[in-house]
Amino acid sequence: MTTTEQVQPSATVSRELLAFFEKLVHGKIEEWEKWREQILQNGDSDALHDCRNKIEAGLAYELGILDYCLAQAERQPEVLPADIQARMLSLRDHLATHYNSLFPRWQTLEDLECILLAPLTPSKAHMDMLVANYPPPQSWFEESVDPFEPEKAQ
């Protein structure tokens, strides 16, 4: 083989590469969900916030690896089959969506806590549906006392 000849990866290598990236992407997202659940249970978001820069750098690095592989496959389409390229692009988009859900929004500990609680917070559409289907009892409209007024000291 001369130096100008290109080595074509086998179908097995392509599938193994795809399996590696699937494990990487899904593993990162599952790891985040485990951290999120753990923090919601124990209330200690400080430790995760202390790792913010490492988490961002790690996700950015992994996105960069995927981008590099996809760029190489685009330059040399024969390197990876089209279905593998499409699946890798989907994985890259999935990881980018996860990255973008965290960064640049996560700057402070308060930002992190908002991100962690967001999946538990009902959406406006859900709240509107609840209001439409479950109106408050009539007695609430007949009350003469403001429930939000501070109690007077006696």
N, C-alpha and C. Protein backbone atom coordinates (compact mmCIF):
# COMPACT_ATOMS: atom_id res chain seq x y z
N MET A 1 0.85 -1.17 0.00
CA MET A 1 0.00 0.00 0.00
C MET A 1 0.90 1.23 0.00
N THR A 2 0.61 2.17 -0.88
CA THR A 2 1.39 3.40 -0.93
C THR A 2 0.84 4.40 0.06
N THR A 3 1.58 5.45 0.30
CA THR A 3 1.14 6.46 1.26
C THR A 3 -0.04 7.27 0.76
N THR A 4 -0.31 7.23 -0.54
CA THR A 4 -1.44 7.98 -1.07
C THR A 4 -2.75 7.20 -0.98
N GLU A 5 -2.65 5.90 -0.76
CA GLU A 5 -3.85 5.10 -0.61
C GLU A 5 -4.46 5.35 0.76
N GLN A 6 -5.78 5.36 0.78
CA GLN A 6 -6.47 5.59 2.04
C GLN A 6 -7.03 4.26 2.56
N VAL A 7 -6.98 4.13 3.85
CA VAL A 7 -7.49 2.92 4.47
C VAL A 7 -8.98 3.12 4.70
N GLN A 8 -9.76 2.18 4.23
CA GLN A 8 -11.21 2.23 4.41
C GLN A 8 -11.57 1.45 5.68
N PRO A 9 -12.29 2.10 6.60
CA PRO A 9 -12.68 1.36 7.79
C PRO A 9 -13.72 0.30 7.44
N SER A 10 -13.68 -0.76 8.17
CA SER A 10 -14.66 -1.82 7.94
C SER A 10 -15.99 -1.41 8.55
N ALA A 11 -17.03 -2.14 8.18
CA ALA A 11 -18.35 -1.87 8.74
C ALA A 11 -18.33 -2.08 10.25
N THR A 12 -17.52 -3.04 10.71
CA THR A 12 -17.42 -3.31 12.14
C THR A 12 -16.82 -2.11 12.87
N VAL A 13 -15.78 -1.52 12.30
CA VAL A 13 -15.15 -0.35 12.91
C VAL A 13 -16.15 0.81 12.97
N SER A 14 -16.90 1.01 11.89
CA SER A 14 -17.90 2.08 11.86
C SER A 14 -18.95 1.87 12.94
N ARG A 15 -19.42 0.63 13.09
CA ARG A 15 -20.43 0.33 14.13
C ARG A 15 -19.84 0.52 15.53
N GLU A 16 -18.58 0.13 15.69
CA GLU A 16 -17.92 0.31 16.99
C GLU A 16 -17.75 1.78 17.33
N LEU A 17 -17.40 2.58 16.34
CA LEU A 17 -17.28 4.02 16.54
C LEU A 17 -18.63 4.61 16.94
N LEU A 18 -19.67 4.22 16.24
CA LEU A 18 -21.01 4.69 16.57
C LEU A 18 -21.40 4.25 17.99
N ALA A 19 -21.13 3.01 18.33
CA ALA A 19 -21.45 2.51 19.68
C ALA A 19 -20.70 3.30 20.74
N PHE A 20 -19.44 3.64 20.46
CA PHE A 20 -18.66 4.44 21.39
C PHE A 20 -19.32 5.79 21.64
N PHE A 21 -19.71 6.47 20.56
CA PHE A 21 -20.32 7.78 20.71
C PHE A 21 -21.72 7.70 21.34
N GLU A 22 -22.46 6.65 21.05
CA GLU A 22 -23.76 6.47 21.70
C GLU A 22 -23.58 6.32 23.20
N LYS A 23 -22.61 5.48 23.59
CA LYS A 23 -22.34 5.28 25.01
C LYS A 23 -21.87 6.58 25.66
N LEU A 24 -21.02 7.32 24.97
CA LEU A 24 -20.50 8.59 25.49
C LEU A 24 -21.63 9.59 25.72
N VAL A 25 -22.44 9.83 24.71
CA VAL A 25 -23.49 10.84 24.79
C VAL A 25 -24.55 10.45 25.81
N HIS A 26 -25.07 9.23 25.68
CA HIS A 26 -26.11 8.80 26.61
C HIS A 26 -25.56 8.71 28.03
N GLY A 27 -24.31 8.31 28.17
CA GLY A 27 -23.69 8.24 29.49
C GLY A 27 -23.58 9.61 30.15
N LYS A 28 -23.21 10.62 29.38
CA LYS A 28 -23.09 11.99 29.92
C LYS A 28 -24.45 12.50 30.40
N ILE A 29 -25.47 12.25 29.61
CA ILE A 29 -26.80 12.75 29.97
C ILE A 29 -27.35 11.97 31.16
N GLU A 30 -27.14 10.66 31.19
CA GLU A 30 -27.57 9.86 32.34
C GLU A 30 -26.82 10.27 33.60
N GLU A 31 -25.53 10.55 33.46
CA GLU A 31 -24.73 11.00 34.59
C GLU A 31 -25.28 12.31 35.15
N TRP A 32 -25.64 13.24 34.26
CA TRP A 32 -26.22 14.51 34.69
C TRP A 32 -27.52 14.25 35.45
N GLU A 33 -28.36 13.37 34.96
CA GLU A 33 -29.64 13.07 35.62
C GLU A 33 -29.41 12.46 37.00
N LYS A 34 -28.39 11.62 37.13
CA LYS A 34 -28.08 11.04 38.45
C LYS A 34 -27.63 12.14 39.41
N TRP A 35 -26.76 13.03 38.93
CA TRP A 35 -26.32 14.15 39.77
C TRP A 35 -27.52 14.99 40.20
N ARG A 36 -28.39 15.28 39.24
CA ARG A 36 -29.57 16.10 39.50
C ARG A 36 -30.45 15.46 40.57
N GLU A 37 -30.73 14.18 40.42
CA GLU A 37 -31.56 13.47 41.40
C GLU A 37 -30.89 13.47 42.78
N GLN A 38 -29.60 13.22 42.80
CA GLN A 38 -28.86 13.18 44.07
C GLN A 38 -28.91 14.53 44.76
N ILE A 39 -28.72 15.59 44.02
CA ILE A 39 -28.73 16.94 44.60
C ILE A 39 -30.12 17.31 45.07
N LEU A 40 -31.14 16.93 44.32
CA LEU A 40 -32.51 17.22 44.75
C LEU A 40 -32.84 16.47 46.03
N GLN A 41 -32.24 15.30 46.23
CA GLN A 41 -32.50 14.53 47.44
C GLN A 41 -31.72 15.06 48.64
N ASN A 42 -30.45 15.42 48.44
CA ASN A 42 -29.64 15.84 49.59
C ASN A 42 -29.48 17.35 49.72
N GLY A 43 -29.88 18.09 48.71
CA GLY A 43 -29.86 19.55 48.80
C GLY A 43 -28.48 20.19 48.72
N ASP A 44 -27.46 19.44 48.33
CA ASP A 44 -26.10 19.99 48.29
C ASP A 44 -25.68 20.25 46.85
N SER A 45 -26.00 21.44 46.35
CA SER A 45 -25.63 21.79 44.98
C SER A 45 -24.27 22.46 44.92
N ASP A 46 -23.69 22.81 46.07
CA ASP A 46 -22.39 23.48 46.09
C ASP A 46 -21.30 22.63 45.44
N ALA A 47 -21.29 21.34 45.75
CA ALA A 47 -20.23 20.46 45.22
C ALA A 47 -20.31 20.38 43.69
N LEU A 48 -21.52 20.30 43.16
CA LEU A 48 -21.66 20.25 41.70
C LEU A 48 -21.27 21.59 41.09
N HIS A 49 -21.65 22.67 41.74
CA HIS A 49 -21.31 23.99 41.21
C HIS A 49 -19.79 24.19 41.19
N ASP A 50 -19.10 23.62 42.17
CA ASP A 50 -17.64 23.73 42.20
C ASP A 50 -17.00 23.05 40.98
N CYS A 51 -17.70 22.10 40.37
CA CYS A 51 -17.19 21.38 39.20
C CYS A 51 -17.68 21.98 37.88
N ARG A 52 -18.34 23.11 37.93
CA ARG A 52 -18.97 23.70 36.75
C ARG A 52 -18.01 23.80 35.57
N ASN A 53 -16.84 24.39 35.78
CA ASN A 53 -15.90 24.61 34.69
C ASN A 53 -15.41 23.29 34.09
N LYS A 54 -15.21 22.28 34.94
CA LYS A 54 -14.78 20.97 34.44
C LYS A 54 -15.88 20.31 33.61
N ILE A 55 -17.12 20.45 34.07
CA ILE A 55 -18.25 19.87 33.33
C ILE A 55 -18.40 20.55 31.98
N GLU A 56 -18.32 21.87 31.97
CA GLU A 56 -18.44 22.60 30.70
C GLU A 56 -17.30 22.22 29.75
N ALA A 57 -16.08 22.18 30.27
CA ALA A 57 -14.93 21.84 29.43
C ALA A 57 -15.06 20.41 28.88
N GLY A 58 -15.51 19.48 29.71
CA GLY A 58 -15.67 18.10 29.27
C GLY A 58 -16.71 17.96 28.17
N LEU A 59 -17.86 18.62 28.34
CA LEU A 59 -18.90 18.56 27.31
C LEU A 59 -18.43 19.23 26.03
N ALA A 60 -17.75 20.36 26.15
CA ALA A 60 -17.24 21.06 24.97
C ALA A 60 -16.21 20.19 24.24
N TYR A 61 -15.37 19.50 24.99
CA TYR A 61 -14.36 18.63 24.39
C TYR A 61 -15.04 17.49 23.62
N GLU A 62 -16.05 16.88 24.23
CA GLU A 62 -16.74 15.77 23.58
C GLU A 62 -17.50 16.23 22.34
N LEU A 63 -18.08 17.42 22.41
CA LEU A 63 -18.70 17.99 21.21
C LEU A 63 -17.65 18.22 20.13
N GLY A 64 -16.49 18.68 20.53
CA GLY A 64 -15.41 18.90 19.58
C GLY A 64 -14.96 17.62 18.89
N ILE A 65 -14.90 16.53 19.65
CA ILE A 65 -14.52 15.23 19.06
C ILE A 65 -15.57 14.81 18.03
N LEU A 66 -16.83 14.93 18.40
CA LEU A 66 -17.89 14.58 17.45
C LEU A 66 -17.82 15.47 16.21
N ASP A 67 -17.62 16.77 16.41
CA ASP A 67 -17.52 17.69 15.28
C ASP A 67 -16.35 17.31 14.37
N TYR A 68 -15.23 16.96 14.97
CA TYR A 68 -14.06 16.57 14.19
C TYR A 68 -14.36 15.32 13.35
N CYS A 69 -14.94 14.32 13.98
CA CYS A 69 -15.25 13.08 13.25
C CYS A 69 -16.25 13.35 12.12
N LEU A 70 -17.25 14.16 12.40
CA LEU A 70 -18.23 14.48 11.36
C LEU A 70 -17.60 15.30 10.23
N ALA A 71 -16.70 16.20 10.57
CA ALA A 71 -16.02 17.00 9.54
C ALA A 71 -15.15 16.10 8.66
N GLN A 72 -14.46 15.14 9.27
CA GLN A 72 -13.65 14.21 8.49
C GLN A 72 -14.52 13.36 7.58
N ALA A 73 -15.66 12.92 8.11
CA ALA A 73 -16.57 12.10 7.31
C ALA A 73 -17.18 12.91 6.16
N GLU A 74 -17.37 14.20 6.39
CA GLU A 74 -17.91 15.06 5.32
C GLU A 74 -16.87 15.26 4.22
N ARG A 75 -15.62 15.41 4.61
CA ARG A 75 -14.55 15.59 3.63
C ARG A 75 -14.30 14.30 2.83
N GLN A 76 -14.48 13.18 3.51
CA GLN A 76 -14.25 11.88 2.88
C GLN A 76 -15.47 10.99 3.16
N PRO A 77 -16.53 11.15 2.40
CA PRO A 77 -17.77 10.42 2.67
C PRO A 77 -17.62 8.90 2.67
N GLU A 78 -16.60 8.41 2.00
CA GLU A 78 -16.41 6.96 1.97
C GLU A 78 -15.89 6.40 3.29
N VAL A 79 -15.47 7.27 4.19
CA VAL A 79 -14.92 6.82 5.47
C VAL A 79 -15.99 6.20 6.36
N LEU A 80 -17.15 6.84 6.42
CA LEU A 80 -18.25 6.31 7.23
C LEU A 80 -19.50 6.20 6.38
N PRO A 81 -20.23 5.13 6.53
CA PRO A 81 -21.49 5.00 5.79
C PRO A 81 -22.45 6.14 6.17
N ALA A 82 -23.32 6.49 5.25
CA ALA A 82 -24.25 7.62 5.47
C ALA A 82 -25.14 7.42 6.70
N ASP A 83 -25.60 6.20 6.93
CA ASP A 83 -26.47 5.97 8.09
C ASP A 83 -25.71 6.18 9.40
N ILE A 84 -24.43 5.82 9.44
CA ILE A 84 -23.61 6.04 10.64
C ILE A 84 -23.37 7.54 10.83
N GLN A 85 -23.09 8.24 9.74
CA GLN A 85 -22.90 9.69 9.82
C GLN A 85 -24.17 10.37 10.33
N ALA A 86 -25.32 9.95 9.82
CA ALA A 86 -26.59 10.55 10.24
C ALA A 86 -26.83 10.30 11.73
N ARG A 87 -26.55 9.10 12.18
CA ARG A 87 -26.75 8.79 13.60
C ARG A 87 -25.77 9.57 14.47
N MET A 88 -24.53 9.72 14.01
CA MET A 88 -23.55 10.51 14.77
C MET A 88 -23.95 11.98 14.83
N LEU A 89 -24.50 12.49 13.74
CA LEU A 89 -24.99 13.87 13.73
C LEU A 89 -26.14 14.03 14.72
N SER A 90 -27.01 13.04 14.78
CA SER A 90 -28.11 13.07 15.74
C SER A 90 -27.59 13.05 17.18
N LEU A 91 -26.57 12.23 17.43
CA LEU A 91 -25.95 12.18 18.76
C LEU A 91 -25.30 13.51 19.11
N ARG A 92 -24.63 14.10 18.12
CA ARG A 92 -23.99 15.40 18.34
C ARG A 92 -25.04 16.45 18.69
N ASP A 93 -26.16 16.44 17.95
CA ASP A 93 -27.24 17.40 18.23
C ASP A 93 -27.84 17.17 19.63
N HIS A 94 -27.95 15.91 20.01
CA HIS A 94 -28.49 15.57 21.34
C HIS A 94 -27.56 16.09 22.44
N LEU A 95 -26.26 15.88 22.26
CA LEU A 95 -25.30 16.37 23.25
C LEU A 95 -25.26 17.89 23.26
N ALA A 96 -25.35 18.51 22.09
CA ALA A 96 -25.35 19.98 22.01
C ALA A 96 -26.59 20.55 22.70
N THR A 97 -27.72 19.90 22.56
CA THR A 97 -28.95 20.34 23.24
C THR A 97 -28.75 20.28 24.75
N HIS A 98 -28.14 19.21 25.22
CA HIS A 98 -27.85 19.09 26.66
C HIS A 98 -26.89 20.19 27.10
N TYR A 99 -25.83 20.38 26.33
CA TYR A 99 -24.86 21.44 26.65
C TYR A 99 -25.55 22.80 26.71
N ASN A 100 -26.36 23.09 25.70
CA ASN A 100 -27.03 24.39 25.63
C ASN A 100 -28.10 24.58 26.71
N SER A 101 -28.60 23.48 27.26
CA SER A 101 -29.55 23.60 28.37
C SER A 101 -28.85 24.02 29.66
N LEU A 102 -27.53 23.86 29.69
CA LEU A 102 -26.76 24.20 30.89
C LEU A 102 -25.94 25.48 30.73
N PHE A 103 -25.29 25.61 29.59
CA PHE A 103 -24.35 26.70 29.40
C PHE A 103 -24.80 27.59 28.25
N PRO A 104 -24.67 28.86 28.28
CA PRO A 104 -24.00 29.71 29.27
C PRO A 104 -24.90 30.09 30.45
N ARG A 105 -26.12 29.55 30.49
CA ARG A 105 -27.07 29.92 31.55
C ARG A 105 -26.50 29.69 32.95
N TRP A 106 -25.79 28.59 33.14
CA TRP A 106 -25.26 28.24 34.46
C TRP A 106 -23.98 29.03 34.70
N GLN A 107 -24.09 30.09 35.48
CA GLN A 107 -22.94 30.88 35.89
C GLN A 107 -22.78 30.87 37.41
N THR A 108 -23.90 30.92 38.11
CA THR A 108 -23.87 31.01 39.57
C THR A 108 -24.54 29.79 40.18
N LEU A 109 -24.39 29.66 41.48
CA LEU A 109 -25.06 28.58 42.21
C LEU A 109 -26.57 28.71 42.07
N GLU A 110 -27.08 29.92 42.09
CA GLU A 110 -28.52 30.13 41.92
C GLU A 110 -28.98 29.68 40.54
N ASP A 111 -28.16 29.94 39.52
CA ASP A 111 -28.49 29.46 38.16
C ASP A 111 -28.60 27.94 38.14
N LEU A 112 -27.64 27.28 38.79
CA LEU A 112 -27.65 25.82 38.83
C LEU A 112 -28.92 25.32 39.51
N GLU A 113 -29.29 25.92 40.62
CA GLU A 113 -30.48 25.48 41.34
C GLU A 113 -31.73 25.66 40.48
N CYS A 114 -31.80 26.74 39.72
CA CYS A 114 -32.95 26.94 38.81
C CYS A 114 -32.98 25.86 37.73
N ILE A 115 -31.80 25.52 37.19
CA ILE A 115 -31.71 24.48 36.17
C ILE A 115 -32.14 23.14 36.73
N LEU A 116 -31.72 22.84 37.95
CA LEU A 116 -32.06 21.55 38.58
C LEU A 116 -33.56 21.44 38.86
N LEU A 117 -34.18 22.55 39.21
CA LEU A 117 -35.61 22.53 39.55
C LEU A 117 -36.53 22.68 38.35
N ALA A 118 -36.01 23.14 37.23
CA ALA A 118 -36.85 23.41 36.06
C ALA A 118 -37.72 22.22 35.64
N PRO A 119 -37.20 20.99 35.61
CA PRO A 119 -38.06 19.87 35.19
C PRO A 119 -39.22 19.60 36.17
N LEU A 120 -39.10 20.08 37.39
CA LEU A 120 -40.14 19.85 38.38
C LEU A 120 -41.17 20.97 38.41
N THR A 121 -40.89 22.06 37.73
CA THR A 121 -41.77 23.22 37.74
C THR A 121 -42.79 23.08 36.62
N PRO A 122 -44.09 23.16 36.95
CA PRO A 122 -45.10 23.04 35.90
C PRO A 122 -45.01 24.20 34.91
N SER A 123 -45.27 23.91 33.66
CA SER A 123 -45.24 24.95 32.63
C SER A 123 -46.47 25.84 32.75
N LYS A 124 -46.43 26.98 32.10
CA LYS A 124 -47.58 27.90 32.10
C LYS A 124 -48.79 27.20 31.47
N ALA A 125 -48.58 26.46 30.39
CA ALA A 125 -49.68 25.76 29.73
C ALA A 125 -50.33 24.75 30.69
N HIS A 126 -49.49 24.05 31.45
CA HIS A 126 -50.02 23.07 32.42
C HIS A 126 -50.80 23.79 33.52
N MET A 127 -50.26 24.89 34.01
CA MET A 127 -50.96 25.66 35.05
C MET A 127 -52.29 26.20 34.52
N ASP A 128 -52.31 26.70 33.28
CA ASP A 128 -53.55 27.20 32.68
C ASP A 128 -54.58 26.08 32.56
N MET A 129 -54.13 24.88 32.20
CA MET A 129 -55.04 23.74 32.11
C MET A 129 -55.62 23.41 33.49
N LEU A 130 -54.79 23.45 34.51
CA LEU A 130 -55.28 23.18 35.86
C LEU A 130 -56.32 24.21 36.30
N VAL A 131 -56.06 25.48 36.03
CA VAL A 131 -56.99 26.53 36.40
C VAL A 131 -58.31 26.35 35.66
N ALA A 132 -58.24 26.00 34.38
CA ALA A 132 -59.46 25.83 33.58
C ALA A 132 -60.27 24.62 34.05
N ASN A 133 -59.61 23.55 34.44
CA ASN A 133 -60.31 22.33 34.81
C ASN A 133 -60.64 22.23 36.30
N TYR A 134 -59.95 22.96 37.12
CA TYR A 134 -60.16 22.88 38.57
C TYR A 134 -60.26 24.28 39.17
N PRO A 135 -61.39 24.93 38.98
CA PRO A 135 -61.52 26.29 39.52
C PRO A 135 -61.53 26.27 41.05
N PRO A 136 -61.17 27.38 41.67
CA PRO A 136 -61.18 27.42 43.13
C PRO A 136 -62.61 27.31 43.66
N PRO A 137 -62.79 26.85 44.89
CA PRO A 137 -64.14 26.72 45.45
C PRO A 137 -64.80 28.10 45.60
N GLN A 138 -66.11 28.11 45.54
CA GLN A 138 -66.87 29.35 45.65
C GLN A 138 -66.58 30.08 46.95
N SER A 139 -66.30 29.33 48.01
CA SER A 139 -66.05 29.96 49.31
C SER A 139 -64.86 30.92 49.26
N TRP A 140 -63.91 30.66 48.37
CA TRP A 140 -62.78 31.57 48.25
C TRP A 140 -63.21 32.95 47.80
N PHE A 141 -64.22 32.99 46.95
CA PHE A 141 -64.70 34.28 46.45
C PHE A 141 -65.54 35.02 47.48
N GLU A 142 -66.05 34.30 48.47
CA GLU A 142 -66.92 34.90 49.48
C GLU A 142 -66.17 35.32 50.73
N GLU A 143 -64.87 35.02 50.81
CA GLU A 143 -64.10 35.39 52.00
C GLU A 143 -63.93 36.89 52.07
N SER A 144 -64.00 37.40 53.28
CA SER A 144 -63.82 38.84 53.47
C SER A 144 -62.43 39.15 54.03
N VAL A 145 -61.69 38.13 54.41
CA VAL A 145 -60.36 38.30 54.97
C VAL A 145 -59.32 38.08 53.88
N ASP A 146 -58.33 38.95 53.84
CA ASP A 146 -57.23 38.78 52.89
C ASP A 146 -56.24 37.79 53.48
N PRO A 147 -56.12 36.60 52.88
CA PRO A 147 -55.23 35.58 53.45
C PRO A 147 -53.75 35.97 53.37
N PHE A 148 -53.41 36.97 52.58
CA PHE A 148 -52.02 37.37 52.43
C PHE A 148 -51.66 38.56 53.30
N GLU A 149 -52.62 39.06 54.03
CA GLU A 149 -52.37 40.20 54.92
C GLU A 149 -51.70 39.67 56.18
N PRO A 150 -50.66 40.35 56.63
CA PRO A 150 -49.97 39.88 57.85
C PRO A 150 -50.93 39.93 59.05
N GLU A 151 -50.73 38.95 59.90
CA GLU A 151 -51.57 38.92 61.11
C GLU A 151 -51.17 40.04 62.04
N LYS A 152 -52.15 40.63 62.71
CA LYS A 152 -51.89 41.69 63.65
C LYS A 152 -51.51 41.11 65.00
N ALA A 153 -50.52 41.71 65.60
CA ALA A 153 -50.06 41.26 66.93
C ALA A 153 -51.09 41.66 67.97
N GLN A 154 -51.36 40.78 68.92
CA GLN A 154 -52.35 41.08 69.94
C GLN A 154 -51.70 41.36 71.26
